């Protein structure tokens, strides 16, 4: 008999590898119950029937010239608050 060979009467729960194999599926089962609880306790809000029309109305109000600024200028405006320069060509 080898030095690392367990005794023939050793119960299965005394082997560390068995618990490592059991731990994976057990963690998944616990996580699924947590996910189920979160899904039931926090339902998604229901959209109104005319959500599409409201979205179109919002897009009409956002159609000004500064919304068409290049991405870098728009990002700088968001960070500093300085309005981007107009893209119109300068008059001679």
PDB file of N, CA and C in Angstrom:
ATOM      1  N   UNK A   1       0.842  -1.163   0.000  1.00  0.00           N
ATOM      2  CA  UNK A   1       0.000   0.000   0.000  1.00  0.00           C
ATOM      3  C   UNK A   1       0.896   1.238   0.000  1.00  0.00           C
ATOM      4  N   UNK A   2       0.517   2.228  -0.850  1.00  0.00           N
ATOM      5  CA  UNK A   2       1.303   3.456  -0.934  1.00  0.00           C
ATOM      6  C   UNK A   2       1.040   4.363   0.257  1.00  0.00           C
ATOM      7  N   UNK A   3       1.938   5.310   0.415  1.00  0.00           N
ATOM      8  CA  UNK A   3       1.831   6.240   1.538  1.00  0.00           C
ATOM      9  C   UNK A   3       0.611   7.167   1.397  1.00  0.00           C
ATOM     10  N   UNK A   4       0.273   7.622   0.153  1.00  0.00           N
ATOM     11  CA  UNK A   4      -0.827   8.552  -0.086  1.00  0.00           C
ATOM     12  C   UNK A   4      -2.163   7.866  -0.340  1.00  0.00           C
ATOM     13  N   UNK A   5      -2.211   6.592  -0.376  1.00  0.00           N
ATOM     14  CA  UNK A   5      -3.455   5.870  -0.615  1.00  0.00           C
ATOM     15  C   UNK A   5      -4.299   5.895   0.657  1.00  0.00           C
ATOM     16  N   UNK A   6      -5.575   6.338   0.543  1.00  0.00           N
ATOM     17  CA  UNK A   6      -6.422   6.377   1.742  1.00  0.00           C
ATOM     18  C   UNK A   6      -6.767   4.972   2.223  1.00  0.00           C
ATOM     19  N   UNK A   7      -7.116   4.919   3.451  1.00  0.00           N
ATOM     20  CA  UNK A   7      -7.534   3.638   4.014  1.00  0.00           C
ATOM     21  C   UNK A   7      -8.826   3.204   3.337  1.00  0.00           C
ATOM     22  N   UNK A   8      -9.079   1.924   3.196  1.00  0.00           N
ATOM     23  CA  UNK A   8     -10.261   1.450   2.483  1.00  0.00           C
ATOM     24  C   UNK A   8     -11.575   1.845   3.149  1.00  0.00           C
ATOM     25  N   UNK A   9     -11.591   2.166   4.407  1.00  0.00           N
ATOM     26  CA  UNK A   9     -12.828   2.501   5.100  1.00  0.00           C
ATOM     27  C   UNK A   9     -13.045   4.010   5.263  1.00  0.00           C
ATOM     28  N   UNK A  10     -12.309   4.831   4.514  1.00  0.00           N
ATOM     29  CA  UNK A  10     -12.448   6.283   4.632  1.00  0.00           C
ATOM     30  C   UNK A  10     -13.742   6.715   3.952  1.00  0.00           C
ATOM     31  N   UNK A  11     -14.608   7.493   4.648  1.00  0.00           N
ATOM     32  CA  UNK A  11     -15.859   7.940   4.035  1.00  0.00           C
ATOM     33  C   UNK A  11     -15.600   8.987   2.941  1.00  0.00           C
ATOM     34  N   UNK A  12     -16.547   9.109   2.041  1.00  0.00           N
ATOM     35  CA  UNK A  12     -16.363   9.968   0.867  1.00  0.00           C
ATOM     36  C   UNK A  12     -16.259  11.439   1.228  1.00  0.00           C
ATOM     37  N   UNK A  13     -16.885  11.876   2.309  1.00  0.00           N
ATOM     38  CA  UNK A  13     -16.903  13.306   2.635  1.00  0.00           C
ATOM     39  C   UNK A  13     -15.576  13.796   3.216  1.00  0.00           C
ATOM     40  N   UNK A  14     -14.664  12.903   3.451  1.00  0.00           N
ATOM     41  CA  UNK A  14     -13.362  13.298   3.970  1.00  0.00           C
ATOM     42  C   UNK A  14     -12.359  13.607   2.856  1.00  0.00           C
ATOM     43  N   UNK A  15     -12.760  13.482   1.611  1.00  0.00           N
ATOM     44  CA  UNK A  15     -11.902  13.803   0.486  1.00  0.00           C
ATOM     45  C   UNK A  15     -12.190  15.235   0.032  1.00  0.00           C
ATOM     46  N   UNK A  16     -11.135  16.061  -0.052  1.00  0.00           N
ATOM     47  CA  UNK A  16     -11.291  17.455  -0.434  1.00  0.00           C
ATOM     48  C   UNK A  16     -11.779  17.646  -1.858  1.00  0.00           C
ATOM     49  N   UNK A  17     -11.379  16.775  -2.768  1.00  0.00           N
ATOM     50  CA  UNK A  17     -11.783  16.910  -4.166  1.00  0.00           C
ATOM     51  C   UNK A  17     -13.281  16.705  -4.356  1.00  0.00           C
ATOM     52  N   UNK A  18     -13.876  15.897  -3.543  1.00  0.00           N
ATOM     53  CA  UNK A  18     -15.319  15.667  -3.631  1.00  0.00           C
ATOM     54  C   UNK A  18     -16.066  16.960  -3.338  1.00  0.00           C
ATOM     55  N   UNK A  19     -15.623  17.695  -2.327  1.00  0.00           N
ATOM     56  CA  UNK A  19     -16.285  18.954  -1.979  1.00  0.00           C
ATOM     57  C   UNK A  19     -16.055  20.020  -3.043  1.00  0.00           C
ATOM     58  N   UNK A  20     -14.924  19.958  -3.704  1.00  0.00           N
ATOM     59  CA  UNK A  20     -14.675  20.900  -4.788  1.00  0.00           C
ATOM     60  C   UNK A  20     -15.614  20.620  -5.969  1.00  0.00           C
ATOM     61  N   UNK A  21     -15.890  19.376  -6.231  1.00  0.00           N
ATOM     62  CA  UNK A  21     -16.811  19.007  -7.305  1.00  0.00           C
ATOM     63  C   UNK A  21     -18.249  19.374  -6.933  1.00  0.00           C
ATOM     64  N   UNK A  22     -18.622  19.207  -5.692  1.00  0.00           N
ATOM     65  CA  UNK A  22     -19.982  19.521  -5.235  1.00  0.00           C
ATOM     66  C   UNK A  22     -20.192  21.031  -5.141  1.00  0.00           C
ATOM     67  N   UNK A  23     -19.154  21.798  -4.827  1.00  0.00           N
ATOM     68  CA  UNK A  23     -19.279  23.238  -4.595  1.00  0.00           C
ATOM     69  C   UNK A  23     -19.729  23.986  -5.849  1.00  0.00           C
ATOM     70  N   UNK A  24     -19.248  23.610  -7.027  1.00  0.00           N
ATOM     71  CA  UNK A  24     -19.626  24.312  -8.259  1.00  0.00           C
ATOM     72  C   UNK A  24     -21.126  24.318  -8.506  1.00  0.00           C
ATOM     73  N   UNK A  25     -21.750  23.158  -8.628  1.00  0.00           N
ATOM     74  CA  UNK A  25     -23.202  23.137  -8.827  1.00  0.00           C
ATOM     75  C   UNK A  25     -23.979  23.735  -7.653  1.00  0.00           C
ATOM     76  N   UNK A  26     -23.487  23.587  -6.428  1.00  0.00           N
ATOM     77  CA  UNK A  26     -24.189  24.157  -5.272  1.00  0.00           C
ATOM     78  C   UNK A  26     -24.201  25.680  -5.340  1.00  0.00           C
ATOM     79  N   UNK A  27     -23.099  26.289  -5.750  1.00  0.00           N
ATOM     80  CA  UNK A  27     -23.040  27.747  -5.894  1.00  0.00           C
ATOM     81  C   UNK A  27     -23.997  28.211  -6.980  1.00  0.00           C
ATOM     82  N   UNK A  28     -24.083  27.460  -8.072  1.00  0.00           N
ATOM     83  CA  UNK A  28     -24.993  27.823  -9.161  1.00  0.00           C
ATOM     84  C   UNK A  28     -26.447  27.753  -8.701  1.00  0.00           C
ATOM     85  N   UNK A  29     -26.798  26.763  -7.919  1.00  0.00           N
ATOM     86  CA  UNK A  29     -28.169  26.634  -7.422  1.00  0.00           C
ATOM     87  C   UNK A  29     -28.504  27.806  -6.502  1.00  0.00           C
ATOM     88  N   UNK A  30     -27.605  28.163  -5.604  1.00  0.00           N
ATOM     89  CA  UNK A  30     -27.838  29.291  -4.699  1.00  0.00           C
ATOM     90  C   UNK A  30     -27.970  30.589  -5.504  1.00  0.00           C
ATOM     91  N   UNK A  31     -27.099  30.789  -6.489  1.00  0.00           N
ATOM     92  CA  UNK A  31     -27.161  31.995  -7.316  1.00  0.00           C
ATOM     93  C   UNK A  31     -28.454  32.061  -8.112  1.00  0.00           C
ATOM     94  N   UNK A  32     -28.972  30.922  -8.552  1.00  0.00           N
ATOM     95  CA  UNK A  32     -30.224  30.926  -9.308  1.00  0.00           C
ATOM     96  C   UNK A  32     -31.403  31.326  -8.413  1.00  0.00           C
ATOM     97  N   UNK A  33     -31.391  30.918  -7.158  1.00  0.00           N
ATOM     98  CA  UNK A  33     -32.461  31.336  -6.248  1.00  0.00           C
ATOM     99  C   UNK A  33     -32.373  32.836  -5.944  1.00  0.00           C
ATOM    100  N   UNK A  34     -31.159  33.349  -5.825  1.00  0.00           N
ATOM    101  CA  UNK A  34     -30.994  34.794  -5.621  1.00  0.00           C
ATOM    102  C   UNK A  34     -31.497  35.550  -6.847  1.00  0.00           C
ATOM    103  N   UNK A  35     -31.178  35.069  -8.028  1.00  0.00           N
ATOM    104  CA  UNK A  35     -31.648  35.699  -9.261  1.00  0.00           C
ATOM    105  C   UNK A  35     -33.159  35.635  -9.366  1.00  0.00           C
ATOM    106  N   UNK A  36     -33.750  34.523  -9.008  1.00  0.00           N
ATOM    107  CA  UNK A  36     -35.207  34.390  -9.016  1.00  0.00           C
ATOM    108  C   UNK A  36     -35.842  35.394  -8.058  1.00  0.00           C
ATOM    109  N   UNK A  37     -35.290  35.540  -6.865  1.00  0.00           N
ATOM    110  CA  UNK A  37     -35.810  36.505  -5.897  1.00  0.00           C
ATOM    111  C   UNK A  37     -35.742  37.924  -6.461  1.00  0.00           C
ATOM    112  N   UNK A  38     -34.603  38.280  -7.055  1.00  0.00           N
ATOM    113  CA  UNK A  38     -34.460  39.626  -7.619  1.00  0.00           C
ATOM    114  C   UNK A  38     -35.433  39.858  -8.768  1.00  0.00           C
ATOM    115  N   UNK A  39     -35.656  38.851  -9.589  1.00  0.00           N
ATOM    116  CA  UNK A  39     -36.573  38.994 -10.723  1.00  0.00           C
ATOM    117  C   UNK A  39     -38.016  39.156 -10.259  1.00  0.00           C
ATOM    118  N   UNK A  40     -38.398  38.472  -9.208  1.00  0.00           N
ATOM    119  CA  UNK A  40     -39.773  38.558  -8.718  1.00  0.00           C
ATOM    120  C   UNK A  40     -39.990  39.842  -7.919  1.00  0.00           C
ATOM    121  N   UNK A  41     -39.014  40.249  -7.126  1.00  0.00           N
ATOM    122  CA  UNK A  41     -39.211  41.405  -6.248  1.00  0.00           C
ATOM    123  C   UNK A  41     -39.041  42.741  -6.966  1.00  0.00           C
ATOM    124  N   UNK A  42     -38.384  42.781  -8.129  1.00  0.00           N
ATOM    125  CA  UNK A  42     -38.156  44.031  -8.856  1.00  0.00           C
ATOM    126  C   UNK A  42     -38.566  43.868 -10.318  1.00  0.00           C
ATOM    127  N   UNK A  43     -39.865  43.862 -10.599  1.00  0.00           N
ATOM    128  CA  UNK A  43     -40.303  43.672 -11.992  1.00  0.00           C
ATOM    129  C   UNK A  43     -39.990  44.896 -12.844  1.00  0.00           C
ATOM    130  N   UNK A  44     -39.847  44.679 -14.142  1.00  0.00           N
ATOM    131  CA  UNK A  44     -39.595  45.770 -15.075  1.00  0.00           C
ATOM    132  C   UNK A  44     -40.838  46.635 -15.200  1.00  0.00           C
ATOM    133  N   UNK A  45     -40.642  47.952 -15.374  1.00  0.00           N
ATOM    134  CA  UNK A  45     -41.808  48.825 -15.545  1.00  0.00           C
ATOM    135  C   UNK A  45     -42.453  48.599 -16.915  1.00  0.00           C
ATOM    136  N   UNK A  46     -43.759  48.803 -16.981  1.00  0.00           N
ATOM    137  CA  UNK A  46     -44.495  48.618 -18.227  1.00  0.00           C
ATOM    138  C   UNK A  46     -44.417  49.920 -19.019  1.00  0.00           C
ATOM    139  N   UNK A  47     -44.142  49.811 -20.309  1.00  0.00           N
ATOM    140  CA  UNK A  47     -44.101  50.989 -21.165  1.00  0.00           C
ATOM    141  C   UNK A  47     -45.517  51.457 -21.462  1.00  0.00           C
ATOM    142  N   UNK A  48     -45.651  52.760 -21.664  1.00  0.00           N
ATOM    143  CA  UNK A  48     -46.964  53.272 -22.037  1.00  0.00           C
ATOM    144  C   UNK A  48     -47.257  52.889 -23.486  1.00  0.00           C
ATOM    145  N   UNK A  49     -48.517  52.939 -23.846  1.00  0.00           N
ATOM    146  CA  UNK A  49     -48.928  52.520 -25.186  1.00  0.00           C
ATOM    147  C   UNK A  49     -48.374  53.430 -26.280  1.00  0.00           C
ATOM    148  N   UNK A  50     -48.172  54.711 -25.965  1.00  0.00           N
ATOM    149  CA  UNK A  50     -47.717  55.642 -26.990  1.00  0.00           C
ATOM    150  C   UNK A  50     -46.247  56.035 -26.796  1.00  0.00           C
ATOM    151  N   UNK A  51     -45.417  55.075 -26.369  1.00  0.00           N
ATOM    152  CA  UNK A  51     -44.010  55.358 -26.127  1.00  0.00           C
ATOM    153  C   UNK A  51     -43.286  55.796 -27.401  1.00  0.00           C
ATOM    154  N   UNK A  52     -43.677  55.258 -28.534  1.00  0.00           N
ATOM    155  CA  UNK A  52     -43.001  55.582 -29.791  1.00  0.00           C
ATOM    156  C   UNK A  52     -43.271  57.032 -30.181  1.00  0.00           C
ATOM    157  N   UNK A  53     -44.516  57.476 -30.035  1.00  0.00           N
ATOM    158  CA  UNK A  53     -44.858  58.858 -30.378  1.00  0.00           C
ATOM    159  C   UNK A  53     -44.135  59.829 -29.454  1.00  0.00           C
ATOM    160  N   UNK A  54     -44.047  59.506 -28.173  1.00  0.00           N
ATOM    161  CA  UNK A  54     -43.332  60.362 -27.229  1.00  0.00           C
ATOM    162  C   UNK A  54     -41.848  60.443 -27.588  1.00  0.00           C
ATOM    163  N   UNK A  55     -41.287  59.352 -28.034  1.00  0.00           N
ATOM    164  CA  UNK A  55     -39.883  59.354 -28.456  1.00  0.00           C
ATOM    165  C   UNK A  55     -39.665  60.219 -29.676  1.00  0.00           C
ATOM    166  N   UNK A  56     -40.600  60.182 -30.620  1.00  0.00           N
ATOM    167  CA  UNK A  56     -40.484  61.040 -31.798  1.00  0.00           C
ATOM    168  C   UNK A  56     -40.583  62.507 -31.415  1.00  0.00           C
ATOM    169  N   UNK A  57     -41.462  62.850 -30.481  1.00  0.00           N
ATOM    170  CA  UNK A  57     -41.592  64.230 -30.022  1.00  0.00           C
ATOM    171  C   UNK A  57     -40.305  64.706 -29.342  1.00  0.00           C
ATOM    172  N   UNK A  58     -39.690  63.848 -28.565  1.00  0.00           N
ATOM    173  CA  UNK A  58     -38.432  64.209 -27.904  1.00  0.00           C
ATOM    174  C   UNK A  58     -37.343  64.442 -28.943  1.00  0.00           C
ATOM    175  N   UNK A  59     -37.279  63.605 -29.959  1.00  0.00           N
ATOM    176  CA  UNK A  59     -36.266  63.770 -31.007  1.00  0.00           C
ATOM    177  C   UNK A  59     -36.454  65.078 -31.764  1.00  0.00           C
ATOM    178  N   UNK A  60     -37.675  65.551 -31.923  1.00  0.00           N
ATOM    179  CA  UNK A  60     -37.915  66.821 -32.613  1.00  0.00           C
ATOM    180  C   UNK A  60     -37.370  67.985 -31.801  1.00  0.00           C
ATOM    181  N   UNK A  61     -37.467  67.904 -30.477  1.00  0.00           N
ATOM    182  CA  UNK A  61     -36.955  68.995 -29.648  1.00  0.00           C
ATOM    183  C   UNK A  61     -35.437  68.993 -29.571  1.00  0.00           C
ATOM    184  N   UNK A  62     -34.805  67.880 -29.864  1.00  0.00           N
ATOM    185  CA  UNK A  62     -33.343  67.789 -29.793  1.00  0.00           C
ATOM    186  C   UNK A  62     -32.672  68.107 -31.120  1.00  0.00           C
ATOM    187  N   UNK A  63     -33.392  68.489 -32.123  1.00  0.00           N
ATOM    188  CA  UNK A  63     -32.834  68.680 -33.458  1.00  0.00           C
ATOM    189  C   UNK A  63     -32.183  70.023 -33.680  1.00  0.00           C
ATOM    190  N   UNK A  64     -31.402  70.556 -32.746  1.00  0.00           N
ATOM    191  CA  UNK A  64     -30.723  71.830 -32.956  1.00  0.00           C
ATOM    192  C   UNK A  64     -29.335  71.612 -33.548  1.00  0.00           C
ATOM    193  N   UNK A  65     -28.656  72.703 -33.920  1.00  0.00           N
ATOM    194  CA  UNK A  65     -27.373  72.616 -34.612  1.00  0.00           C
ATOM    195  C   UNK A  65     -26.262  72.038 -33.737  1.00  0.00           C
ATOM    196  N   UNK A  66     -26.270  72.347 -32.447  1.00  0.00           N
ATOM    197  CA  UNK A  66     -25.169  71.882 -31.596  1.00  0.00           C
ATOM    198  C   UNK A  66     -25.206  70.372 -31.383  1.00  0.00           C
ATOM    199  N   UNK A  67     -26.348  69.758 -31.608  1.00  0.00           N
ATOM    200  CA  UNK A  67     -26.385  68.306 -31.444  1.00  0.00           C
ATOM    201  C   UNK A  67     -25.654  67.595 -32.565  1.00  0.00           C
ATOM    202  N   UNK A  68     -25.330  68.323 -33.643  1.00  0.00           N
ATOM    203  CA  UNK A  68     -24.603  67.733 -34.757  1.00  0.00           C
ATOM    204  C   UNK A  68     -23.110  68.033 -34.689  1.00  0.00           C
ATOM    205  N   UNK A  69     -22.632  68.543 -33.555  1.00  0.00           N
ATOM    206  CA  UNK A  69     -21.216  68.851 -33.391  1.00  0.00           C
ATOM    207  C   UNK A  69     -20.400  67.565 -33.443  1.00  0.00           C
ATOM    208  N   UNK A  70     -19.146  67.654 -33.877  1.00  0.00           N
ATOM    209  CA  UNK A  70     -18.289  66.456 -33.870  1.00  0.00           C
ATOM    210  C   UNK A  70     -18.164  65.892 -32.461  1.00  0.00           C
ATOM    211  N   UNK A  71     -17.843  64.632 -32.398  1.00  0.00           N
ATOM    212  CA  UNK A  71     -17.832  63.930 -31.114  1.00  0.00           C
ATOM    213  C   UNK A  71     -16.852  64.552 -30.129  1.00  0.00           C
ATOM    214  N   UNK A  72     -15.682  64.965 -30.577  1.00  0.00           N
ATOM    215  CA  UNK A  72     -14.692  65.527 -29.671  1.00  0.00           C
ATOM    216  C   UNK A  72     -15.193  66.829 -29.057  1.00  0.00           C
ATOM    217  N   UNK A  73     -15.811  67.686 -29.880  1.00  0.00           N
ATOM    218  CA  UNK A  73     -16.333  68.944 -29.360  1.00  0.00           C
ATOM    219  C   UNK A  73     -17.495  68.692 -28.401  1.00  0.00           C
ATOM    220  N   UNK A  74     -18.349  67.768 -28.737  1.00  0.00           N
ATOM    221  CA  UNK A  74     -19.481  67.469 -27.869  1.00  0.00           C
ATOM    222  C   UNK A  74     -19.002  66.901 -26.543  1.00  0.00           C
ATOM    223  N   UNK A  75     -17.977  66.074 -26.568  1.00  0.00           N
ATOM    224  CA  UNK A  75     -17.437  65.518 -25.327  1.00  0.00           C
ATOM    225  C   UNK A  75     -16.831  66.624 -24.477  1.00  0.00           C
ATOM    226  N   UNK A  76     -16.085  67.547 -25.109  1.00  0.00           N
ATOM    227  CA  UNK A  76     -15.483  68.644 -24.363  1.00  0.00           C
ATOM    228  C   UNK A  76     -16.556  69.547 -23.774  1.00  0.00           C
ATOM    229  N   UNK A  77     -17.641  69.747 -24.499  1.00  0.00           N
ATOM    230  CA  UNK A  77     -18.740  70.563 -23.980  1.00  0.00           C
ATOM    231  C   UNK A  77     -19.344  69.908 -22.742  1.00  0.00           C
ATOM    232  N   UNK A  78     -19.478  68.598 -22.784  1.00  0.00           N
ATOM    233  CA  UNK A  78     -20.051  67.891 -21.638  1.00  0.00           C
ATOM    234  C   UNK A  78     -19.129  67.988 -20.427  1.00  0.00           C
ATOM    235  N   UNK A  79     -17.817  68.010 -20.656  1.00  0.00           N
ATOM    236  CA  UNK A  79     -16.872  68.040 -19.546  1.00  0.00           C
ATOM    237  C   UNK A  79     -16.652  69.449 -19.006  1.00  0.00           C
ATOM    238  N   UNK A  80     -16.635  70.470 -19.889  1.00  0.00           N
ATOM    239  CA  UNK A  80     -16.278  71.813 -19.452  1.00  0.00           C
ATOM    240  C   UNK A  80     -17.454  72.770 -19.398  1.00  0.00           C
ATOM    241  N   UNK A  81     -18.502  72.523 -20.156  1.00  0.00           N
ATOM    242  CA  UNK A  81     -19.640  73.423 -20.199  1.00  0.00           C
ATOM    243  C   UNK A  81     -19.510  74.509 -21.244  1.00  0.00           C
ATOM    244  N   UNK A  82     -18.395  74.534 -21.994  1.00  0.00           N
ATOM    245  CA  UNK A  82     -18.182  75.536 -23.031  1.00  0.00           C
ATOM    246  C   UNK A  82     -18.876  75.085 -24.299  1.00  0.00           C
ATOM    247  N   UNK A  83     -19.680  75.956 -24.905  1.00  0.00           N
ATOM    248  CA  UNK A  83     -20.396  75.614 -26.136  1.00  0.00           C
ATOM    249  C   UNK A  83     -19.396  75.411 -27.275  1.00  0.00           C
ATOM    250  N   UNK A  84     -19.551  74.380 -28.102  1.00  0.00           N
ATOM    251  CA  UNK A  84     -18.647  74.170 -29.237  1.00  0.00           C
ATOM    252  C   UNK A  84     -18.862  75.249 -30.284  1.00  0.00           C
ATOM    253  N   UNK A  85     -17.798  75.537 -31.019  1.00  0.00           N
ATOM    254  CA  UNK A  85     -17.878  76.545 -32.081  1.00  0.00           C
ATOM    255  C   UNK A  85     -18.777  76.035 -33.185  1.00  0.00           C
ATOM    256  N   UNK A  86     -19.450  76.965 -33.851  1.00  0.00           N
ATOM    257  CA  UNK A  86     -20.358  76.601 -34.934  1.00  0.00           C
ATOM    258  C   UNK A  86     -19.546  76.057 -36.096  1.00  0.00           C
ATOM    259  N   UNK A  87     -20.114  75.124 -36.853  1.00  0.00           N
ATOM    260  CA  UNK A  87     -19.432  74.537 -38.005  1.00  0.00           C
ATOM    261  C   UNK A  87     -19.635  75.352 -39.261  1.00  0.00           C
ATOM    262  N   UNK A  88     -20.325  76.473 -39.170  1.00  0.00           N
ATOM    263  CA  UNK A  88     -20.568  77.304 -40.341  1.00  0.00           C
ATOM    264  C   UNK A  88     -19.277  77.968 -40.777  1.00  0.00           C
ATOM    265  N   UNK A  89     -19.066  78.099 -42.100  1.00  0.00           N
ATOM    266  CA  UNK A  89     -17.821  78.731 -42.581  1.00  0.00           C
ATOM    267  C   UNK A  89     -17.805  80.218 -42.206  1.00  0.00           C
ATOM    268  N   UNK A  90     -16.622  80.728 -41.926  1.00  0.00           N
ATOM    269  CA  UNK A  90     -16.464  82.119 -41.548  1.00  0.00           C
ATOM    270  C   UNK A  90     -16.702  83.017 -42.749  1.00  0.00           C
ATOM    271  N   UNK A  91     -17.312  84.166 -42.519  1.00  0.00           N
ATOM    272  CA  UNK A  91     -17.576  85.100 -43.616  1.00  0.00           C
ATOM    273  C   UNK A  91     -16.309  85.886 -43.944  1.00  0.00           C
ATOM    274  N   UNK A  92     -16.039  86.121 -45.256  1.00  0.00           N
ATOM    275  CA  UNK A  92     -14.792  86.815 -45.645  1.00  0.00           C
ATOM    276  C   UNK A  92     -14.822  88.278 -45.359  1.00  0.00           C
TER     277      UNK A  92
END
